[in-house]
Amino acid sequence: CCYFGEPKLAYWLTLTVHGFADSPVSWRESEHGFHKGGENL
């Protein structure tokens, strides 16, 4: 967020966080269900 403190040419930026597909927990204390892909991001 500090990146935009100075004049820059970019209009937006992105931060993506992927969880581990085989993680025992996905969100908060919820057990992570794993069927095919284990999406968690």
All heavy atoms as atom14 arrays in JSON, in Angstrom:
{
  "sequence": "CCYFGEPKLAYWLTLTVHGFADSPVSWRESEHGFHKGGENL",
  "atom14_mask": [
    [1, 1, 1, 1, 1, 1, 0, 0, 0, 0, 0, 0, 0, 0],
    [1, 1, 1, 1, 1, 1, 0, 0, 0, 0, 0, 0, 0, 0],
    [1, 1, 1, 1, 1, 1, 1, 1, 1, 1, 1, 1, 0, 0],
    [1, 1, 1, 1, 1, 1, 1, 1, 1, 1, 1, 0, 0, 0],
    [1, 1, 1, 1, 0, 0, 0, 0, 0, 0, 0, 0, 0, 0],
    [1, 1, 1, 1, 1, 1, 1, 1, 1, 0, 0, 0, 0, 0],
    [1, 1, 1, 1, 1, 1, 1, 0, 0, 0, 0, 0, 0, 0],
    [1, 1, 1, 1, 1, 1, 1, 1, 1, 0, 0, 0, 0, 0],
    [1, 1, 1, 1, 1, 1, 1, 1, 0, 0, 0, 0, 0, 0],
    [1, 1, 1, 1, 1, 0, 0, 0, 0, 0, 0, 0, 0, 0],
    [1, 1, 1, 1, 1, 1, 1, 1, 1, 1, 1, 1, 0, 0],
    [1, 1, 1, 1, 1, 1, 1, 1, 1, 1, 1, 1, 1, 1],
    [1, 1, 1, 1, 1, 1, 1, 1, 0, 0, 0, 0, 0, 0],
    [1, 1, 1, 1, 1, 1, 1, 0, 0, 0, 0, 0, 0, 0],
    [1, 1, 1, 1, 1, 1, 1, 1, 0, 0, 0, 0, 0, 0],
    [1, 1, 1, 1, 1, 1, 1, 0, 0, 0, 0, 0, 0, 0],
    [1, 1, 1, 1, 1, 1, 1, 0, 0, 0, 0, 0, 0, 0],
    [1, 1, 1, 1, 1, 1, 1, 1, 1, 1, 0, 0, 0, 0],
    [1, 1, 1, 1, 0, 0, 0, 0, 0, 0, 0, 0, 0, 0],
    [1, 1, 1, 1, 1, 1, 1, 1, 1, 1, 1, 0, 0, 0],
    [1, 1, 1, 1, 1, 0, 0, 0, 0, 0, 0, 0, 0, 0],
    [1, 1, 1, 1, 1, 1, 1, 1, 0, 0, 0, 0, 0, 0],
    [1, 1, 1, 1, 1, 1, 0, 0, 0, 0, 0, 0, 0, 0],
    [1, 1, 1, 1, 1, 1, 1, 0, 0, 0, 0, 0, 0, 0],
    [1, 1, 1, 1, 1, 1, 1, 0, 0, 0, 0, 0, 0, 0],
    [1, 1, 1, 1, 1, 1, 0, 0, 0, 0, 0, 0, 0, 0],
    [1, 1, 1, 1, 1, 1, 1, 1, 1, 1, 1, 1, 1, 1],
    [1, 1, 1, 1, 1, 1, 1, 1, 1, 1, 1, 0, 0, 0],
    [1, 1, 1, 1, 1, 1, 1, 1, 1, 0, 0, 0, 0, 0],
    [1, 1, 1, 1, 1, 1, 0, 0, 0, 0, 0, 0, 0, 0],
    [1, 1, 1, 1, 1, 1, 1, 1, 1, 0, 0, 0, 0, 0],
    [1, 1, 1, 1, 1, 1, 1, 1, 1, 1, 0, 0, 0, 0],
    [1, 1, 1, 1, 0, 0, 0, 0, 0, 0, 0, 0, 0, 0],
    [1, 1, 1, 1, 1, 1, 1, 1, 1, 1, 1, 0, 0, 0],
    [1, 1, 1, 1, 1, 1, 1, 1, 1, 1, 0, 0, 0, 0],
    [1, 1, 1, 1, 1, 1, 1, 1, 1, 0, 0, 0, 0, 0],
    [1, 1, 1, 1, 0, 0, 0, 0, 0, 0, 0, 0, 0, 0],
    [1, 1, 1, 1, 0, 0, 0, 0, 0, 0, 0, 0, 0, 0],
    [1, 1, 1, 1, 1, 1, 1, 1, 1, 0, 0, 0, 0, 0],
    [1, 1, 1, 1, 1, 1, 1, 1, 0, 0, 0, 0, 0, 0],
    [1, 1, 1, 1, 1, 1, 1, 1, 0, 0, 0, 0, 0, 0]
  ],
  "atom14_positions": [
    [[0.83, -1.21, 0.0], [0.0, 0.0, 0.0], [0.86, 1.25, 0.0], [0.49, 2.27, -0.58], [-0.93, 0.0, 1.21], [-2.27, -1.21, 1.07], [0.0, 0.0, 0.0], [0.0, 0.0, 0.0], [0.0, 0.0, 0.0], [0.0, 0.0, 0.0], [0.0, 0.0, 0.0], [0.0, 0.0, 0.0], [0.0, 0.0, 0.0], [0.0, 0.0, 0.0]],
    [[2.04, 1.2, 0.63], [2.95, 2.34, 0.65], [3.52, 2.64, -0.75], [4.0, 3.74, -1.0], [4.1, 2.08, 1.62], [3.58, 2.06, 3.33], [0.0, 0.0, 0.0], [0.0, 0.0, 0.0], [0.0, 0.0, 0.0], [0.0, 0.0, 0.0], [0.0, 0.0, 0.0], [0.0, 0.0, 0.0], [0.0, 0.0, 0.0], [0.0, 0.0, 0.0]],
    [[3.45, 1.67, -1.63], [3.96, 1.84, -2.99], [3.31, 3.05, -3.66], [3.95, 3.76, -4.42], [3.68, 0.57, -3.79], [4.05, 0.66, -5.25], [5.37, 0.51, -5.67], [3.09, 0.93, -6.21], [5.71, 0.59, -7.01], [3.42, 1.02, -7.55], [4.73, 0.85, -7.94], [5.07, 0.95, -9.26], [0.0, 0.0, 0.0], [0.0, 0.0, 0.0]],
    [[2.04, 3.28, -3.38], [1.33, 4.39, -4.01], [1.57, 5.72, -3.31], [1.02, 6.74, -3.71], [-0.18, 4.09, -4.05], [-0.53, 2.94, -4.94], [-1.09, 1.78, -4.4], [-0.32, 2.98, -6.3], [-1.42, 0.72, -5.21], [-0.64, 1.91, -7.12], [-1.19, 0.78, -6.57], [0.0, 0.0, 0.0], [0.0, 0.0, 0.0], [0.0, 0.0, 0.0]],
    [[2.4, 5.74, -2.27], [2.71, 6.97, -1.56], [3.45, 7.98, -2.42], [3.33, 9.18, -2.23], [0.0, 0.0, 0.0], [0.0, 0.0, 0.0], [0.0, 0.0, 0.0], [0.0, 0.0, 0.0], [0.0, 0.0, 0.0], [0.0, 0.0, 0.0], [0.0, 0.0, 0.0], [0.0, 0.0, 0.0], [0.0, 0.0, 0.0], [0.0, 0.0, 0.0]],
    [[4.22, 7.49, -3.36], [4.92, 8.35, -4.3], [4.24, 8.2, -5.66], [3.67, 7.15, -5.95], [6.38, 7.92, -4.41], [7.16, 8.08, -3.12], [8.59, 7.6, -3.28], [9.11, 7.59, -4.42], [9.18, 7.22, -2.27], [0.0, 0.0, 0.0], [0.0, 0.0, 0.0], [0.0, 0.0, 0.0], [0.0, 0.0, 0.0], [0.0, 0.0, 0.0]],
    [[4.32, 9.21, -6.48], [3.69, 9.09, -7.81], [4.26, 7.91, -8.59], [5.46, 7.78, -8.75], [4.03, 10.41, -8.5], [4.36, 11.35, -7.39], [4.92, 10.52, -6.27], [0.0, 0.0, 0.0], [0.0, 0.0, 0.0], [0.0, 0.0, 0.0], [0.0, 0.0, 0.0], [0.0, 0.0, 0.0], [0.0, 0.0, 0.0], [0.0, 0.0, 0.0]],
    [[3.4, 7.04, -9.02], [3.78, 5.86, -9.79], [2.88, 5.78, -11.03], [1.81, 6.36, -11.07], [3.61, 4.58, -8.98], [4.37, 4.53, -7.68], [5.84, 4.3, -7.91], [6.51, 4.0, -6.59], [7.69, 4.66, -6.33], [0.0, 0.0, 0.0], [0.0, 0.0, 0.0], [0.0, 0.0, 0.0], [0.0, 0.0, 0.0], [0.0, 0.0, 0.0]],
    [[3.32, 5.0, -11.98], [2.52, 4.83, -13.19], [1.45, 3.75, -13.03], [0.47, 3.75, -13.73], [3.43, 4.48, -14.36], [4.43, 5.58, -14.74], [5.34, 5.09, -15.87], [3.71, 6.85, -15.14], [0.0, 0.0, 0.0], [0.0, 0.0, 0.0], [0.0, 0.0, 0.0], [0.0, 0.0, 0.0], [0.0, 0.0, 0.0], [0.0, 0.0, 0.0]],
    [[1.65, 2.83, -12.09], [0.71, 1.72, -11.92], [-0.63, 2.22, -11.36], [-0.65, 3.09, -10.48], [1.29, 0.67, -10.99], [0.0, 0.0, 0.0], [0.0, 0.0, 0.0], [0.0, 0.0, 0.0], [0.0, 0.0, 0.0], [0.0, 0.0, 0.0], [0.0, 0.0, 0.0], [0.0, 0.0, 0.0], [0.0, 0.0, 0.0], [0.0, 0.0, 0.0]],
    [[-1.71, 1.66, -11.86], [-3.04, 2.0, -11.36], [-3.47, 1.04, -10.26], [-4.32, 1.35, -9.45], [-4.07, 1.98, -12.49], [-3.85, 3.1, -13.47], [-3.2, 2.87, -14.67], [-4.28, 4.39, -13.18], [-2.98, 3.9, -15.58], [-4.07, 5.42, -14.07], [-3.43, 5.17, -15.26], [-3.21, 6.2, -16.14], [0.0, 0.0, 0.0], [0.0, 0.0, 0.0]],
    [[-2.92, -0.17, -10.3], [-3.28, -1.17, -9.3], [-2.15, -2.18, -9.17], [-1.28, -2.27, -10.01], [-4.59, -1.87, -9.67], [-4.63, -2.47, -11.05], [-5.06, -1.86, -12.2], [-4.24, -3.79, -11.44], [-4.94, -2.71, -13.27], [-4.44, -3.91, -12.83], [-3.72, -4.89, -10.76], [-4.16, -5.08, -13.54], [-3.44, -6.05, -11.46], [-3.67, -6.13, -12.83]],
    [[-2.19, -2.93, -8.07], [-1.27, -4.05, -7.86], [-2.03, -5.14, -7.13], [-3.15, -4.93, -6.66], [-0.02, -3.61, -7.1], [-0.19, -2.91, -5.75], [-0.34, -3.92, -4.64], [1.01, -2.04, -5.49], [0.0, 0.0, 0.0], [0.0, 0.0, 0.0], [0.0, 0.0, 0.0], [0.0, 0.0, 0.0], [0.0, 0.0, 0.0], [0.0, 0.0, 0.0]],
    [[-1.44, -6.31, -7.06], [-2.16, -7.43, -6.48], [-1.24, -8.26, -5.58], [-0.04, -8.34, -5.81], [-2.78, -8.31, -7.58], [-3.51, -9.38, -7.0], [-1.75, -8.88, -8.5], [0.0, 0.0, 0.0], [0.0, 0.0, 0.0], [0.0, 0.0, 0.0], [0.0, 0.0, 0.0], [0.0, 0.0, 0.0], [0.0, 0.0, 0.0], [0.0, 0.0, 0.0]],
    [[-1.83, -8.84, -4.54], [-1.15, -9.76, -3.63], [-2.04, -10.99, -3.5], [-3.2, -10.88, -3.11], [-0.95, -9.13, -2.25], [-0.47, -10.08, -1.15], [0.96, -10.54, -1.41], [-0.58, -9.43, 0.22], [0.0, 0.0, 0.0], [0.0, 0.0, 0.0], [0.0, 0.0, 0.0], [0.0, 0.0, 0.0], [0.0, 0.0, 0.0], [0.0, 0.0, 0.0]],
    [[-1.49, -12.13, -3.86], [-2.25, -13.37, -3.78], [-1.56, -14.32, -2.8], [-0.34, -14.47, -2.84], [-2.34, -14.04, -5.16], [-2.94, -13.12, -6.06], [-3.19, -15.31, -5.11], [0.0, 0.0, 0.0], [0.0, 0.0, 0.0], [0.0, 0.0, 0.0], [0.0, 0.0, 0.0], [0.0, 0.0, 0.0], [0.0, 0.0, 0.0], [0.0, 0.0, 0.0]],
    [[-2.35, -14.94, -1.95], [-1.84, -15.89, -0.97], [-2.52, -17.23, -1.2], [-3.73, -17.33, -1.14], [-2.11, -15.41, 0.48], [-1.58, -16.42, 1.48], [-1.5, -14.03, 0.71], [0.0, 0.0, 0.0], [0.0, 0.0, 0.0], [0.0, 0.0, 0.0], [0.0, 0.0, 0.0], [0.0, 0.0, 0.0], [0.0, 0.0, 0.0], [0.0, 0.0, 0.0]],
    [[-1.7, -18.23, -1.51], [-2.2, -19.6, -1.71], [-1.91, -20.39, -0.45], [-0.79, -20.38, 0.05], [-1.45, -20.3, -2.86], [-1.83, -19.82, -4.21], [-2.77, -20.44, -4.97], [-1.39, -18.76, -4.93], [-2.89, -19.8, -6.11], [-2.06, -18.77, -6.11], [0.0, 0.0, 0.0], [0.0, 0.0, 0.0], [0.0, 0.0, 0.0], [0.0, 0.0, 0.0]],
    [[-2.9, -21.11, 0.03], [-2.67, -22.06, 1.12], [-2.14, -23.35, 0.53], [-2.15, -23.57, -0.68], [0.0, 0.0, 0.0], [0.0, 0.0, 0.0], [0.0, 0.0, 0.0], [0.0, 0.0, 0.0], [0.0, 0.0, 0.0], [0.0, 0.0, 0.0], [0.0, 0.0, 0.0], [0.0, 0.0, 0.0], [0.0, 0.0, 0.0], [0.0, 0.0, 0.0]],
    [[-1.65, -24.21, 1.39], [-1.19, -25.53, 0.94], [-2.4, -26.39, 0.64], [-3.37, -26.41, 1.4], [-0.31, -26.19, 2.0], [0.98, -25.48, 2.24], [1.15, -24.63, 3.32], [2.04, -25.65, 1.36], [2.35, -23.97, 3.53], [3.25, -24.99, 1.56], [3.39, -24.15, 2.66], [0.0, 0.0, 0.0], [0.0, 0.0, 0.0], [0.0, 0.0, 0.0]],
    [[-2.36, -27.13, -0.46], [-3.48, -27.99, -0.85], [-3.77, -29.04, 0.21], [-4.92, -29.42, 0.42], [-3.2, -28.65, -2.19], [0.0, 0.0, 0.0], [0.0, 0.0, 0.0], [0.0, 0.0, 0.0], [0.0, 0.0, 0.0], [0.0, 0.0, 0.0], [0.0, 0.0, 0.0], [0.0, 0.0, 0.0], [0.0, 0.0, 0.0], [0.0, 0.0, 0.0]],
    [[-2.74, -29.52, 0.89], [-2.94, -30.57, 1.89], [-2.94, -30.03, 3.33], [-2.71, -30.78, 4.27], [-1.88, -31.66, 1.73], [-0.46, -31.13, 1.88], [-0.29, -29.9, 1.97], [0.47, -31.95, 1.89], [0.0, 0.0, 0.0], [0.0, 0.0, 0.0], [0.0, 0.0, 0.0], [0.0, 0.0, 0.0], [0.0, 0.0, 0.0], [0.0, 0.0, 0.0]],
    [[-3.21, -28.75, 3.49], [-3.26, -28.15, 4.82], [-4.41, -28.74, 5.63], [-5.5, -28.96, 5.1], [-3.46, -26.64, 4.68], [-3.68, -26.05, 5.93], [0.0, 0.0, 0.0], [0.0, 0.0, 0.0], [0.0, 0.0, 0.0], [0.0, 0.0, 0.0], [0.0, 0.0, 0.0], [0.0, 0.0, 0.0], [0.0, 0.0, 0.0], [0.0, 0.0, 0.0]],
    [[-4.21, -28.99, 6.92], [-5.31, -29.53, 7.73], [-6.4, -28.5, 8.02], [-7.54, -28.85, 8.29], [-4.63, -29.98, 9.02], [-3.36, -29.22, 9.08], [-2.97, -28.91, 7.67], [0.0, 0.0, 0.0], [0.0, 0.0, 0.0], [0.0, 0.0, 0.0], [0.0, 0.0, 0.0], [0.0, 0.0, 0.0], [0.0, 0.0, 0.0], [0.0, 0.0, 0.0]],
    [[-6.08, -27.19, 7.93], [-7.04, -26.13, 8.21], [-7.09, -25.21, 7.01], [-6.06, -24.89, 6.41], [-6.6, -25.33, 9.47], [-7.52, -24.16, 9.7], [-6.56, -26.23, 10.69], [0.0, 0.0, 0.0], [0.0, 0.0, 0.0], [0.0, 0.0, 0.0], [0.0, 0.0, 0.0], [0.0, 0.0, 0.0], [0.0, 0.0, 0.0], [0.0, 0.0, 0.0]],
    [[-8.31, -24.78, 6.62], [-8.38, -23.86, 5.49], [-8.67, -22.44, 5.96], [-7.88, -21.54, 5.72], [-9.42, -24.32, 4.48], [-10.71, -24.3, 5.04], [0.0, 0.0, 0.0], [0.0, 0.0, 0.0], [0.0, 0.0, 0.0], [0.0, 0.0, 0.0], [0.0, 0.0, 0.0], [0.0, 0.0, 0.0], [0.0, 0.0, 0.0], [0.0, 0.0, 0.0]],
    [[-9.77, -22.17, 6.62], [-10.11, -20.84, 7.07], [-10.47, -20.91, 8.55], [-11.29, -21.73, 8.95], [-11.3, -20.29, 6.29], [-11.01, -20.16, 4.84], [-11.37, -21.03, 3.85], [-10.27, -19.12, 4.19], [-10.91, -20.59, 2.65], [-10.23, -19.42, 2.82], [-9.64, -17.98, 4.64], [-9.6, -18.61, 1.9], [-9.01, -17.17, 3.71], [-9.0, -17.49, 2.36]],
    [[-9.84, -20.07, 9.31], [-10.03, -20.04, 10.76], [-9.78, -21.42, 11.33], [-8.76, -22.0, 11.08], [-11.39, -19.48, 11.12], [-11.59, -18.1, 10.5], [-12.53, -17.29, 11.26], [-12.6, -16.0, 10.57], [-12.92, -14.92, 11.15], [-13.22, -14.92, 12.41], [-12.97, -13.8, 10.48], [0.0, 0.0, 0.0], [0.0, 0.0, 0.0], [0.0, 0.0, 0.0]],
    [[-10.75, -21.99, 12.06], [-10.55, -23.32, 12.64], [-11.23, -24.41, 11.81], [-11.38, -25.54, 12.26], [-11.09, -23.37, 14.08], [-10.32, -22.49, 15.05], [-10.78, -21.04, 15.02], [-11.98, -20.78, 14.76], [-9.94, -20.16, 15.23], [0.0, 0.0, 0.0], [0.0, 0.0, 0.0], [0.0, 0.0, 0.0], [0.0, 0.0, 0.0], [0.0, 0.0, 0.0]],
    [[-11.68, -24.09, 10.61], [-12.4, -25.06, 9.79], [-11.45, -26.09, 9.2], [-10.38, -25.74, 8.69], [-13.13, -24.36, 8.64], [-14.06, -23.44, 9.15], [0.0, 0.0, 0.0], [0.0, 0.0, 0.0], [0.0, 0.0, 0.0], [0.0, 0.0, 0.0], [0.0, 0.0, 0.0], [0.0, 0.0, 0.0], [0.0, 0.0, 0.0], [0.0, 0.0, 0.0]],
    [[-11.86, -27.33, 9.26], [-11.07, -28.4, 8.65], [-11.06, -28.2, 7.14], [-12.05, -27.81, 6.54], [-11.69, -29.74, 9.0], [-10.9, -30.92, 8.51], [-11.49, -32.24, 8.95], [-12.24, -32.27, 9.93], [-11.21, -33.25, 8.28], [0.0, 0.0, 0.0], [0.0, 0.0, 0.0], [0.0, 0.0, 0.0], [0.0, 0.0, 0.0], [0.0, 0.0, 0.0]],
    [[-9.93, -28.47, 6.53], [-9.78, -28.28, 5.09], [-10.25, -29.54, 4.37], [-9.69, -30.6, 4.54], [-8.31, -28.01, 4.78], [-8.02, -27.75, 3.33], [-8.76, -26.89, 2.57], [-7.06, -28.24, 2.52], [-8.27, -26.86, 1.34], [-7.24, -27.68, 1.29], [0.0, 0.0, 0.0], [0.0, 0.0, 0.0], [0.0, 0.0, 0.0], [0.0, 0.0, 0.0]],
    [[-11.3, -29.38, 3.58], [-11.79, -30.5, 2.77], [-10.96, -30.6, 1.51], [-10.68, -29.62, 0.83], [0.0, 0.0, 0.0], [0.0, 0.0, 0.0], [0.0, 0.0, 0.0], [0.0, 0.0, 0.0], [0.0, 0.0, 0.0], [0.0, 0.0, 0.0], [0.0, 0.0, 0.0], [0.0, 0.0, 0.0], [0.0, 0.0, 0.0], [0.0, 0.0, 0.0]],
    [[-10.54, -31.79, 1.18], [-9.7, -32.0, 0.01], [-10.4, -33.02, -0.88], [-10.58, -34.16, -0.49], [-8.31, -32.52, 0.43], [-7.35, -32.64, -0.71], [-6.54, -31.58, -1.03], [-7.27, -33.79, -1.46], [-5.65, -31.67, -2.1], [-6.39, -33.89, -2.52], [-5.58, -32.83, -2.83], [0.0, 0.0, 0.0], [0.0, 0.0, 0.0], [0.0, 0.0, 0.0]],
    [[-10.83, -32.58, -2.04], [-11.49, -33.49, -2.97], [-10.57, -33.76, -4.15], [-10.06, -34.84, -4.32], [-12.83, -32.91, -3.41], [-13.64, -33.82, -4.27], [-14.04, -35.07, -3.84], [-14.1, -33.68, -5.52], [-14.73, -35.66, -4.81], [-14.79, -34.82, -5.83], [0.0, 0.0, 0.0], [0.0, 0.0, 0.0], [0.0, 0.0, 0.0], [0.0, 0.0, 0.0]],
    [[-10.35, -32.73, -4.96], [-9.46, -32.89, -6.1], [-8.3, -31.91, -6.04], [-7.15, -32.29, -6.09], [-10.23, -32.7, -7.41], [-11.18, -33.83, -7.7], [-11.81, -33.67, -9.06], [-12.73, -34.85, -9.31], [-13.37, -34.78, -10.59], [0.0, 0.0, 0.0], [0.0, 0.0, 0.0], [0.0, 0.0, 0.0], [0.0, 0.0, 0.0], [0.0, 0.0, 0.0]],
    [[-8.6, -30.62, -5.93], [-7.55, -29.64, -6.04], [-7.09, -29.03, -4.74], [-5.99, -28.54, -4.64], [0.0, 0.0, 0.0], [0.0, 0.0, 0.0], [0.0, 0.0, 0.0], [0.0, 0.0, 0.0], [0.0, 0.0, 0.0], [0.0, 0.0, 0.0], [0.0, 0.0, 0.0], [0.0, 0.0, 0.0], [0.0, 0.0, 0.0], [0.0, 0.0, 0.0]],
    [[-7.9, -29.02, -3.72], [-7.53, -28.41, -2.46], [-7.36, -26.91, -2.54], [-6.53, -26.33, -1.86], [0.0, 0.0, 0.0], [0.0, 0.0, 0.0], [0.0, 0.0, 0.0], [0.0, 0.0, 0.0], [0.0, 0.0, 0.0], [0.0, 0.0, 0.0], [0.0, 0.0, 0.0], [0.0, 0.0, 0.0], [0.0, 0.0, 0.0], [0.0, 0.0, 0.0]],
    [[-8.17, -26.25, -3.39], [-8.06, -24.8, -3.55], [-8.23, -24.11, -2.21], [-9.05, -24.51, -1.39], [-9.13, -24.27, -4.52], [-8.97, -24.75, -5.93], [-9.55, -26.15, -6.16], [-10.15, -26.72, -5.24], [-9.39, -26.67, -7.26], [0.0, 0.0, 0.0], [0.0, 0.0, 0.0], [0.0, 0.0, 0.0], [0.0, 0.0, 0.0], [0.0, 0.0, 0.0]],
    [[-7.45, -23.08, -2.0], [-7.45, -22.39, -0.73], [-6.61, -21.13, -0.92], [-5.42, -21.14, -0.7], [-6.85, -23.32, 0.32], [-6.86, -22.74, 1.7], [-7.45, -21.72, 1.96], [-6.17, -23.41, 2.61], [0.0, 0.0, 0.0], [0.0, 0.0, 0.0], [0.0, 0.0, 0.0], [0.0, 0.0, 0.0], [0.0, 0.0, 0.0], [0.0, 0.0, 0.0]],
    [[-7.22, -20.04, -1.4], [-6.45, -18.84, -1.68], [-7.29, -17.59, -1.54], [-8.52, -17.65, -1.56], [-5.82, -18.89, -3.07], [-6.77, -18.88, -4.26], [-6.8, -17.49, -4.89], [-6.33, -19.9, -5.29], [0.0, 0.0, 0.0], [0.0, 0.0, 0.0], [0.0, 0.0, 0.0], [0.0, 0.0, 0.0], [0.0, 0.0, 0.0], [0.0, 0.0, 0.0]]
  ]
}
